[in-house]
Amino acid sequence: MPPLPPISPVHFAGAGPGAAAHLTLGAYQALQAADVVIHDRLVGPEIMALIPAHVVRVDVGKEGFGPSAGQDAINAAIVAHALSGARVVRLKGGDPGIFGRLDEELDALAAHAIPFTILPGLTAASVAAAQIGQSLTKRGRNASFRILTGHDMAGFAEQDWRGLARAGEVAAIYMGKKSARFVQGRLMMHGASPDTPVTLVENVSRAEQRVLDTTLASLPDAAAQCDGPAVILYGLAPRAAATALLTLHEATA
């Protein structure tokens, strides 16, 4: 029998939220050396354009409340390509370790003794805050920062609403468009001011990025205006200079 091909480590790489400028050097190098790239739906076109033409691309995209590749099928694809001897990159939007089902895929590799590396990526919250000229933590305002999901496998996700409703708290809410009214109700029920600033950044860092500057009172209406993926920055409003720059960019686009 011919010897089995050597198994290369599977590289789990974060693509960032969209723009090529937010891809790490490590992730770029992994893409250039890959035989197979198994990628998510939210990986931006600028990133996809960096993948060499000869590389096999496998689309395993998921969509909240929409058509999705099953996780078992994704696991099986990663394992099968790795066992064939291919150099595999599992490319995930944002950072693989933030709402990326990373552990499930690592467990699948572990069951077959397949090695791996993790190349973190810029998550949407960091880039969205930068796009509106804000920091996610600020001395005298918030000594902590939360990343939340708007829904989980059981439906709309429960959080520490009482803690989050305190003045000065900041959070990034992922996958929160459809749960915006639920989030608003929970926060106001626990004492959050209706005037709390909220910013939605749709299609973070992409050419079609859009910023909606609103308040908790108007969050559901703002979320309903978003067609693309959006991160909700609770407790943050765009800095004036960033707002002026975004307005100028939209006017000249």
Foldseek 3Di string as FASTA:
>chain_A
DDDFADFDAEEEAELEQAANVFGDPVVLVLLAQFQEEEEEPRHYPNSVVSRDPNHHYHYQYDDVVDDGRDPVVVLVVVVVCRRNNTHYYYYYYAFCVAPNCNVVSVVSCVVVVHHYDYHTTHHLVCLVCVLLPHDQDDPPQDPDEEEEEQADPVGGDDDPLLVCLDGRYKYKYFPNLVNLVVSLVSNVVNPRDQAQWKKKWFSRPDPPIDIDTDGSVCRNVVSVVHDGTIIMITRDGRDPVSVVVVVVSVVVD
